[in-house]
Amino acid sequence: MGAALLRALGEGLARPQDAAGASRPTLELEQVRQFSPEFALMFDFFEHEGTGIDLPGLHRRYPIGWHSFAQWAAGQNWKALQQPAA
């Protein structure tokens, strides 16, 4: 799960694709660790332990038009978020 989240963030950040045009997870855990050791620990935990969240159960119980993390990441204005703080 952690690798999938990193891949979604990398794609949301418009990271480059390989020569065949396939998405590649260019946002690596070590890059995240340089930004924030705590954030990297979270992704590492998600990858090795998981969250234990019953997503299908939540979707059944709360049918509110859920979207995936990848959809959320793709919808963010990453260029604005990457600007230095004023």
PDB file of N, CA and C in Angstrom:
ATOM      1  N   MET A   1       0.809  -1.195   0.000  1.00  0.00           N
ATOM      2  CA  MET A   1       0.000   0.000   0.000  1.00  0.00           C
ATOM      3  C   MET A   1       0.858   1.267   0.000  1.00  0.00           C
ATOM      4  N   GLY A   2       1.955   1.273   0.755  1.00  0.00           N
ATOM      5  CA  GLY A   2       2.824   2.445   0.776  1.00  0.00           C
ATOM      6  C   GLY A   2       3.408   2.763  -0.579  1.00  0.00           C
ATOM      7  N   ALA A   3       3.824   1.719  -1.310  1.00  0.00           N
ATOM      8  CA  ALA A   3       4.381   1.936  -2.650  1.00  0.00           C
ATOM      9  C   ALA A   3       3.316   2.501  -3.589  1.00  0.00           C
ATOM     10  N   ALA A   4       2.083   2.031  -3.459  1.00  0.00           N
ATOM     11  CA  ALA A   4       0.998   2.543  -4.302  1.00  0.00           C
ATOM     12  C   ALA A   4       0.726   4.013  -3.989  1.00  0.00           C
ATOM     13  N   LEU A   5       0.797   4.387  -2.712  1.00  0.00           N
ATOM     14  CA  LEU A   5       0.599   5.784  -2.341  1.00  0.00           C
ATOM     15  C   LEU A   5       1.727   6.653  -2.881  1.00  0.00           C
ATOM     16  N   LEU A   6       2.960   6.172  -2.781  1.00  0.00           N
ATOM     17  CA  LEU A   6       4.092   6.920  -3.339  1.00  0.00           C
ATOM     18  C   LEU A   6       3.956   7.076  -4.847  1.00  0.00           C
ATOM     19  N   ARG A   7       3.511   6.009  -5.525  1.00  0.00           N
ATOM     20  CA  ARG A   7       3.317   6.069  -6.975  1.00  0.00           C
ATOM     21  C   ARG A   7       2.242   7.107  -7.313  1.00  0.00           C
ATOM     22  N   ALA A   8       1.145   7.119  -6.555  1.00  0.00           N
ATOM     23  CA  ALA A   8       0.071   8.086  -6.797  1.00  0.00           C
ATOM     24  C   ALA A   8       0.566   9.510  -6.581  1.00  0.00           C
ATOM     25  N   LEU A   9       1.348   9.730  -5.527  1.00  0.00           N
ATOM     26  CA  LEU A   9       1.906  11.065  -5.309  1.00  0.00           C
ATOM     27  C   LEU A   9       2.855  11.461  -6.421  1.00  0.00           C
ATOM     28  N   GLY A  10       3.703  10.523  -6.842  1.00  0.00           N
ATOM     29  CA  GLY A  10       4.634  10.804  -7.932  1.00  0.00           C
ATOM     30  C   GLY A  10       3.907  11.181  -9.206  1.00  0.00           C
ATOM     31  N   GLU A  11       2.836  10.460  -9.506  1.00  0.00           N
ATOM     32  CA  GLU A  11       2.056  10.777 -10.700  1.00  0.00           C
ATOM     33  C   GLU A  11       1.335  12.109 -10.523  1.00  0.00           C
ATOM     34  N   GLY A  12       0.838  12.367  -9.329  1.00  0.00           N
ATOM     35  CA  GLY A  12       0.180  13.637  -9.067  1.00  0.00           C
ATOM     36  C   GLY A  12       1.131  14.815  -9.188  1.00  0.00           C
ATOM     37  N   LEU A  13       2.381  14.585  -8.851  1.00  0.00           N
ATOM     38  CA  LEU A  13       3.402  15.623  -8.971  1.00  0.00           C
ATOM     39  C   LEU A  13       3.938  15.748 -10.387  1.00  0.00           C
ATOM     40  N   ALA A  14       3.329  14.990 -11.320  1.00  0.00           N
ATOM     41  CA  ALA A  14       3.725  15.001 -12.737  1.00  0.00           C
ATOM     42  C   ALA A  14       5.171  14.583 -12.915  1.00  0.00           C
ATOM     43  N   ARG A  15       5.547  13.509 -12.242  1.00  0.00           N
ATOM     44  CA  ARG A  15       6.892  12.963 -12.409  1.00  0.00           C
ATOM     45  C   ARG A  15       7.017  12.385 -13.811  1.00  0.00           C
ATOM     46  N   PRO A  16       8.213  12.315 -14.343  1.00  0.00           N
ATOM     47  CA  PRO A  16       8.386  11.825 -15.711  1.00  0.00           C
ATOM     48  C   PRO A  16       7.985  10.367 -15.871  1.00  0.00           C
ATOM     49  N   GLN A  17       7.717  10.023 -17.122  1.00  0.00           N
ATOM     50  CA  GLN A  17       7.391   8.642 -17.453  1.00  0.00           C
ATOM     51  C   GLN A  17       8.595   8.019 -18.138  1.00  0.00           C
ATOM     52  N   ASP A  18       8.592   6.689 -18.224  1.00  0.00           N
ATOM     53  CA  ASP A  18       9.694   6.026 -18.903  1.00  0.00           C
ATOM     54  C   ASP A  18       9.542   6.158 -20.415  1.00  0.00           C
ATOM     55  N   ALA A  19      10.493   5.635 -21.167  1.00  0.00           N
ATOM     56  CA  ALA A  19      10.512   5.801 -22.624  1.00  0.00           C
ATOM     57  C   ALA A  19       9.262   5.239 -23.287  1.00  0.00           C
ATOM     58  N   ALA A  20       8.658   4.225 -22.705  1.00  0.00           N
ATOM     59  CA  ALA A  20       7.453   3.631 -23.276  1.00  0.00           C
ATOM     60  C   ALA A  20       6.200   4.405 -22.877  1.00  0.00           C
ATOM     61  N   GLY A  21       6.345   5.433 -22.065  1.00  0.00           N
ATOM     62  CA  GLY A  21       5.208   6.230 -21.644  1.00  0.00           C
ATOM     63  C   GLY A  21       4.495   5.682 -20.421  1.00  0.00           C
ATOM     64  N   ALA A  22       5.045   4.624 -19.842  1.00  0.00           N
ATOM     65  CA  ALA A  22       4.417   4.032 -18.660  1.00  0.00           C
ATOM     66  C   ALA A  22       4.798   4.828 -17.423  1.00  0.00           C
ATOM     67  N   SER A  23       3.853   4.946 -16.529  1.00  0.00           N
ATOM     68  CA  SER A  23       4.147   5.638 -15.279  1.00  0.00           C
ATOM     69  C   SER A  23       5.186   4.851 -14.511  1.00  0.00           C
ATOM     70  N   ARG A  24       6.035   5.560 -13.827  1.00  0.00           N
ATOM     71  CA  ARG A  24       7.005   4.886 -12.971  1.00  0.00           C
ATOM     72  C   ARG A  24       7.017   5.596 -11.632  1.00  0.00           C
ATOM     73  N   PRO A  25       7.161   4.840 -10.574  1.00  0.00           N
ATOM     74  CA  PRO A  25       7.149   5.454  -9.248  1.00  0.00           C
ATOM     75  C   PRO A  25       8.460   6.154  -8.952  1.00  0.00           C
ATOM     76  N   THR A  26       8.617   7.381  -9.457  1.00  0.00           N
ATOM     77  CA  THR A  26       9.881   8.081  -9.287  1.00  0.00           C
ATOM     78  C   THR A  26      10.005   8.738  -7.916  1.00  0.00           C
ATOM     79  N   LEU A  27       8.917   8.782  -7.180  1.00  0.00           N
ATOM     80  CA  LEU A  27       8.996   9.294  -5.824  1.00  0.00           C
ATOM     81  C   LEU A  27       9.343   8.117  -4.932  1.00  0.00           C
ATOM     82  N   GLU A  28      10.589   8.051  -4.528  1.00  0.00           N
ATOM     83  CA  GLU A  28      11.081   6.922  -3.738  1.00  0.00           C
ATOM     84  C   GLU A  28      11.025   7.253  -2.255  1.00  0.00           C
ATOM     85  N   LEU A  29      10.999   6.216  -1.448  1.00  0.00           N
ATOM     86  CA  LEU A  29      10.918   6.390  -0.008  1.00  0.00           C
ATOM     87  C   LEU A  29      12.088   7.224   0.514  1.00  0.00           C
ATOM     88  N   GLU A  30      13.266   7.058  -0.055  1.00  0.00           N
ATOM     89  CA  GLU A  30      14.424   7.840   0.404  1.00  0.00           C
ATOM     90  C   GLU A  30      14.249   9.328   0.104  1.00  0.00           C
ATOM     91  N   GLN A  31      13.596   9.657  -1.011  1.00  0.00           N
ATOM     92  CA  GLN A  31      13.313  11.058  -1.303  1.00  0.00           C
ATOM     93  C   GLN A  31      12.366  11.632  -0.248  1.00  0.00           C
ATOM     94  N   VAL A  32      11.363  10.864   0.105  1.00  0.00           N
ATOM     95  CA  VAL A  32      10.414  11.299   1.130  1.00  0.00           C
ATOM     96  C   VAL A  32      11.133  11.438   2.462  1.00  0.00           C
ATOM     97  N   ARG A  33      12.023  10.498   2.773  1.00  0.00           N
ATOM     98  CA  ARG A  33      12.757  10.535   4.037  1.00  0.00           C
ATOM     99  C   ARG A  33      13.586  11.818   4.160  1.00  0.00           C
ATOM    100  N   GLN A  34      14.145  12.297   3.048  1.00  0.00           N
ATOM    101  CA  GLN A  34      14.918  13.543   3.082  1.00  0.00           C
ATOM    102  C   GLN A  34      14.016  14.736   3.385  1.00  0.00           C
ATOM    103  N   PHE A  35      12.788  14.679   2.881  1.00  0.00           N
ATOM    104  CA  PHE A  35      11.813  15.750   3.117  1.00  0.00           C
ATOM    105  C   PHE A  35      11.297  15.701   4.559  1.00  0.00           C
ATOM    106  N   SER A  36      10.924  14.487   4.980  1.00  0.00           N
ATOM    107  CA  SER A  36      10.349  14.329   6.320  1.00  0.00           C
ATOM    108  C   SER A  36      10.523  12.891   6.790  1.00  0.00           C
ATOM    109  N   PRO A  37      11.390  12.652   7.765  1.00  0.00           N
ATOM    110  CA  PRO A  37      11.563  11.291   8.279  1.00  0.00           C
ATOM    111  C   PRO A  37      10.252  10.690   8.797  1.00  0.00           C
ATOM    112  N   GLU A  38       9.403  11.522   9.411  1.00  0.00           N
ATOM    113  CA  GLU A  38       8.136  11.025   9.942  1.00  0.00           C
ATOM    114  C   GLU A  38       7.191  10.600   8.825  1.00  0.00           C
ATOM    115  N   PHE A  39       7.146  11.377   7.760  1.00  0.00           N
ATOM    116  CA  PHE A  39       6.304  11.055   6.605  1.00  0.00           C
ATOM    117  C   PHE A  39       6.767   9.736   5.987  1.00  0.00           C
ATOM    118  N   ALA A  40       8.077   9.551   5.889  1.00  0.00           N
ATOM    119  CA  ALA A  40       8.625   8.303   5.347  1.00  0.00           C
ATOM    120  C   ALA A  40       8.268   7.113   6.232  1.00  0.00           C
ATOM    121  N   LEU A  41       8.325   7.306   7.544  1.00  0.00           N
ATOM    122  CA  LEU A  41       7.921   6.224   8.456  1.00  0.00           C
ATOM    123  C   LEU A  41       6.475   5.815   8.223  1.00  0.00           C
ATOM    124  N   MET A  42       5.609   6.798   7.963  1.00  0.00           N
ATOM    125  CA  MET A  42       4.206   6.493   7.698  1.00  0.00           C
ATOM    126  C   MET A  42       4.066   5.632   6.442  1.00  0.00           C
ATOM    127  N   PHE A  43       4.738   6.024   5.346  1.00  0.00           N
ATOM    128  CA  PHE A  43       4.658   5.243   4.110  1.00  0.00           C
ATOM    129  C   PHE A  43       5.249   3.849   4.305  1.00  0.00           C
ATOM    130  N   ASP A  44       6.337   3.758   5.045  1.00  0.00           N
ATOM    131  CA  ASP A  44       6.955   2.463   5.314  1.00  0.00           C
ATOM    132  C   ASP A  44       5.998   1.572   6.120  1.00  0.00           C
ATOM    133  N   PHE A  45       5.325   2.161   7.097  1.00  0.00           N
ATOM    134  CA  PHE A  45       4.347   1.414   7.885  1.00  0.00           C
ATOM    135  C   PHE A  45       3.205   0.929   6.998  1.00  0.00           C
ATOM    136  N   PHE A  46       2.684   1.810   6.150  1.00  0.00           N
ATOM    137  CA  PHE A  46       1.601   1.420   5.253  1.00  0.00           C
ATOM    138  C   PHE A  46       2.030   0.258   4.354  1.00  0.00           C
ATOM    139  N   GLU A  47       3.275   0.289   3.896  1.00  0.00           N
ATOM    140  CA  GLU A  47       3.759  -0.755   2.988  1.00  0.00           C
ATOM    141  C   GLU A  47       3.913  -2.094   3.695  1.00  0.00           C
ATOM    142  N   HIS A  48       4.427  -2.083   4.914  1.00  0.00           N
ATOM    143  CA  HIS A  48       4.739  -3.341   5.591  1.00  0.00           C
ATOM    144  C   HIS A  48       3.670  -3.820   6.567  1.00  0.00           C
ATOM    145  N   GLU A  49       2.917  -2.904   7.140  1.00  0.00           N
ATOM    146  CA  GLU A  49       1.893  -3.279   8.113  1.00  0.00           C
ATOM    147  C   GLU A  49       0.481  -3.108   7.569  1.00  0.00           C
ATOM    148  N   GLY A  50       0.316  -2.134   6.682  1.00  0.00           N
ATOM    149  CA  GLY A  50      -1.024  -1.829   6.187  1.00  0.00           C
ATOM    150  C   GLY A  50      -1.777  -0.968   7.176  1.00  0.00           C
ATOM    151  N   THR A  51      -3.026  -0.689   6.859  1.00  0.00           N
ATOM    152  CA  THR A  51      -3.819   0.165   7.737  1.00  0.00           C
ATOM    153  C   THR A  51      -4.895  -0.611   8.483  1.00  0.00           C
ATOM    154  N   GLY A  52      -5.263  -1.759   7.974  1.00  0.00           N
ATOM    155  CA  GLY A  52      -6.340  -2.522   8.584  1.00  0.00           C
ATOM    156  C   GLY A  52      -7.713  -1.925   8.311  1.00  0.00           C
ATOM    157  N   ILE A  53      -7.781  -0.959   7.424  1.00  0.00           N
ATOM    158  CA  ILE A  53      -9.051  -0.315   7.104  1.00  0.00           C
ATOM    159  C   ILE A  53      -9.826  -1.192   6.128  1.00  0.00           C
ATOM    160  N   ASP A  54     -11.070  -1.431   6.435  1.00  0.00           N
ATOM    161  CA  ASP A  54     -11.958  -2.206   5.558  1.00  0.00           C
ATOM    162  C   ASP A  54     -12.617  -1.237   4.578  1.00  0.00           C
ATOM    163  N   LEU A  55     -11.895  -0.893   3.503  1.00  0.00           N
ATOM    164  CA  LEU A  55     -12.430   0.067   2.543  1.00  0.00           C
ATOM    165  C   LEU A  55     -13.731  -0.393   1.906  1.00  0.00           C
ATOM    166  N   PRO A  56     -13.836  -1.654   1.446  1.00  0.00           N
ATOM    167  CA  PRO A  56     -15.127  -2.067   0.879  1.00  0.00           C
ATOM    168  C   PRO A  56     -16.270  -1.933   1.889  1.00  0.00           C
ATOM    169  N   GLY A  57     -16.007  -2.256   3.157  1.00  0.00           N
ATOM    170  CA  GLY A  57     -17.023  -2.103   4.191  1.00  0.00           C
ATOM    171  C   GLY A  57     -17.423  -0.647   4.398  1.00  0.00           C
ATOM    172  N   LEU A  58     -16.431   0.242   4.415  1.00  0.00           N
ATOM    173  CA  LEU A  58     -16.731   1.672   4.535  1.00  0.00           C
ATOM    174  C   LEU A  58     -17.557   2.161   3.355  1.00  0.00           C
ATOM    175  N   HIS A  59     -17.199   1.718   2.167  1.00  0.00           N
ATOM    176  CA  HIS A  59     -17.917   2.146   0.962  1.00  0.00           C
ATOM    177  C   HIS A  59     -19.369   1.674   1.002  1.00  0.00           C
ATOM    178  N   ARG A  60     -19.591   0.451   1.508  1.00  0.00           N
ATOM    179  CA  ARG A  60     -20.968  -0.052   1.620  1.00  0.00           C
ATOM    180  C   ARG A  60     -21.747   0.735   2.677  1.00  0.00           C
ATOM    181  N   ARG A  61     -21.099   0.986   3.797  1.00  0.00           N
ATOM    182  CA  ARG A  61     -21.797   1.651   4.901  1.00  0.00           C
ATOM    183  C   ARG A  61     -22.054   3.128   4.632  1.00  0.00           C
ATOM    184  N   TYR A  62     -21.117   3.767   3.928  1.00  0.00           N
ATOM    185  CA  TYR A  62     -21.228   5.200   3.636  1.00  0.00           C
ATOM    186  C   TYR A  62     -21.095   5.424   2.130  1.00  0.00           C
ATOM    187  N   PRO A  63     -22.182   5.222   1.368  1.00  0.00           N
ATOM    188  CA  PRO A  63     -22.104   5.370  -0.094  1.00  0.00           C
ATOM    189  C   PRO A  63     -22.137   6.851  -0.512  1.00  0.00           C
ATOM    190  N   ILE A  64     -20.999   7.522  -0.368  1.00  0.00           N
ATOM    191  CA  ILE A  64     -20.957   8.978  -0.568  1.00  0.00           C
ATOM    192  C   ILE A  64     -20.164   9.415  -1.795  1.00  0.00           C
ATOM    193  N   GLY A  65     -19.852   8.514  -2.693  1.00  0.00           N
ATOM    194  CA  GLY A  65     -19.059   8.918  -3.855  1.00  0.00           C
ATOM    195  C   GLY A  65     -17.579   9.017  -3.532  1.00  0.00           C
ATOM    196  N   TRP A  66     -17.035   7.958  -2.992  1.00  0.00           N
ATOM    197  CA  TRP A  66     -15.632   7.910  -2.612  1.00  0.00           C
ATOM    198  C   TRP A  66     -14.730   8.097  -3.823  1.00  0.00           C
ATOM    199  N   HIS A  67     -13.536   8.567  -3.582  1.00  0.00           N
ATOM    200  CA  HIS A  67     -12.500   8.603  -4.619  1.00  0.00           C
ATOM    201  C   HIS A  67     -11.222   8.004  -4.035  1.00  0.00           C
ATOM    202  N   SER A  68     -10.363   7.543  -4.916  1.00  0.00           N
ATOM    203  CA  SER A  68      -9.118   6.907  -4.472  1.00  0.00           C
ATOM    204  C   SER A  68      -8.078   7.973  -4.110  1.00  0.00           C
ATOM    205  N   PHE A  69      -7.036   7.534  -3.446  1.00  0.00           N
ATOM    206  CA  PHE A  69      -5.924   8.430  -3.139  1.00  0.00           C
ATOM    207  C   PHE A  69      -5.307   8.957  -4.436  1.00  0.00           C
ATOM    208  N   ALA A  70      -5.199   8.087  -5.445  1.00  0.00           N
ATOM    209  CA  ALA A  70      -4.637   8.504  -6.741  1.00  0.00           C
ATOM    210  C   ALA A  70      -5.496   9.596  -7.376  1.00  0.00           C
ATOM    211  N   GLN A  71      -6.817   9.457  -7.290  1.00  0.00           N
ATOM    212  CA  GLN A  71      -7.702  10.498  -7.829  1.00  0.00           C
ATOM    213  C   GLN A  71      -7.524  11.799  -7.061  1.00  0.00           C
ATOM    214  N   TRP A  72      -7.409  11.701  -5.741  1.00  0.00           N
ATOM    215  CA  TRP A  72      -7.197  12.895  -4.941  1.00  0.00           C
ATOM    216  C   TRP A  72      -5.879  13.568  -5.321  1.00  0.00           C
ATOM    217  N   ALA A  73      -4.798  12.778  -5.397  1.00  0.00           N
ATOM    218  CA  ALA A  73      -3.476  13.329  -5.725  1.00  0.00           C
ATOM    219  C   ALA A  73      -3.476  13.993  -7.092  1.00  0.00           C
ATOM    220  N   ALA A  74      -4.160  13.372  -8.064  1.00  0.00           N
ATOM    221  CA  ALA A  74      -4.213  13.938  -9.411  1.00  0.00           C
ATOM    222  C   ALA A  74      -4.973  15.258  -9.440  1.00  0.00           C
ATOM    223  N   GLY A  75      -5.878  15.463  -8.497  1.00  0.00           N
ATOM    224  CA  GLY A  75      -6.692  16.676  -8.483  1.00  0.00           C
ATOM    225  C   GLY A  75      -6.097  17.841  -7.716  1.00  0.00           C
ATOM    226  N   GLN A  76      -4.918  17.659  -7.122  1.00  0.00           N
ATOM    227  CA  GLN A  76      -4.304  18.730  -6.336  1.00  0.00           C
ATOM    228  C   GLN A  76      -3.525  19.693  -7.225  1.00  0.00           C
ATOM    229  N   ASN A  77      -3.427  20.925  -6.809  1.00  0.00           N
ATOM    230  CA  ASN A  77      -2.635  21.919  -7.516  1.00  0.00           C
ATOM    231  C   ASN A  77      -1.222  21.881  -6.937  1.00  0.00           C
ATOM    232  N   TRP A  78      -0.445  20.886  -7.382  1.00  0.00           N
ATOM    233  CA  TRP A  78       0.883  20.664  -6.814  1.00  0.00           C
ATOM    234  C   TRP A  78       1.834  21.806  -7.102  1.00  0.00           C
ATOM    235  N   LYS A  79       1.684  22.465  -8.245  1.00  0.00           N
ATOM    236  CA  LYS A  79       2.582  23.584  -8.559  1.00  0.00           C
ATOM    237  C   LYS A  79       2.428  24.695  -7.524  1.00  0.00           C
ATOM    238  N   ALA A  80       1.198  24.977  -7.123  1.00  0.00           N
ATOM    239  CA  ALA A  80       0.962  26.012  -6.101  1.00  0.00           C
ATOM    240  C   ALA A  80       1.531  25.566  -4.760  1.00  0.00           C
ATOM    241  N   LEU A  81       1.389  24.293  -4.437  1.00  0.00           N
ATOM    242  CA  LEU A  81       1.884  23.795  -3.156  1.00  0.00           C
ATOM    243  C   LEU A  81       3.409  23.752  -3.101  1.00  0.00           C
ATOM    244  N   GLN A  82       4.062  23.715  -4.264  1.00  0.00           N
ATOM    245  CA  GLN A  82       5.524  23.650  -4.296  1.00  0.00           C
ATOM    246  C   GLN A  82       6.169  25.016  -4.264  1.00  0.00           C
ATOM    247  N   GLN A  83       5.370  26.095  -4.317  1.00  0.00           N
ATOM    248  CA  GLN A  83       5.909  27.443  -4.283  1.00  0.00           C
ATOM    249  C   GLN A  83       6.407  27.751  -2.878  1.00  0.00           C
ATOM    250  N   PRO A  84       7.471  28.538  -2.775  1.00  0.00           N
ATOM    251  CA  PRO A  84       7.961  28.922  -1.444  1.00  0.00           C
ATOM    252  C   PRO A  84       6.881  29.702  -0.690  1.00  0.00           C
ATOM    253  N   ALA A  85       6.860  29.536   0.591  1.00  0.00           N
ATOM    254  CA  ALA A  85       5.898  30.265   1.419  1.00  0.00           C
ATOM    255  C   ALA A  85       6.230  31.747   1.415  1.00  0.00           C
ATOM    256  N   ALA A  86       5.190  32.564   1.375  1.00  0.00           N
ATOM    257  CA  ALA A  86       5.397  34.028   1.330  1.00  0.00           C
ATOM    258  C   ALA A  86       5.618  34.587   2.709  1.00  0.00           C
TER     259      ALA A  86
END
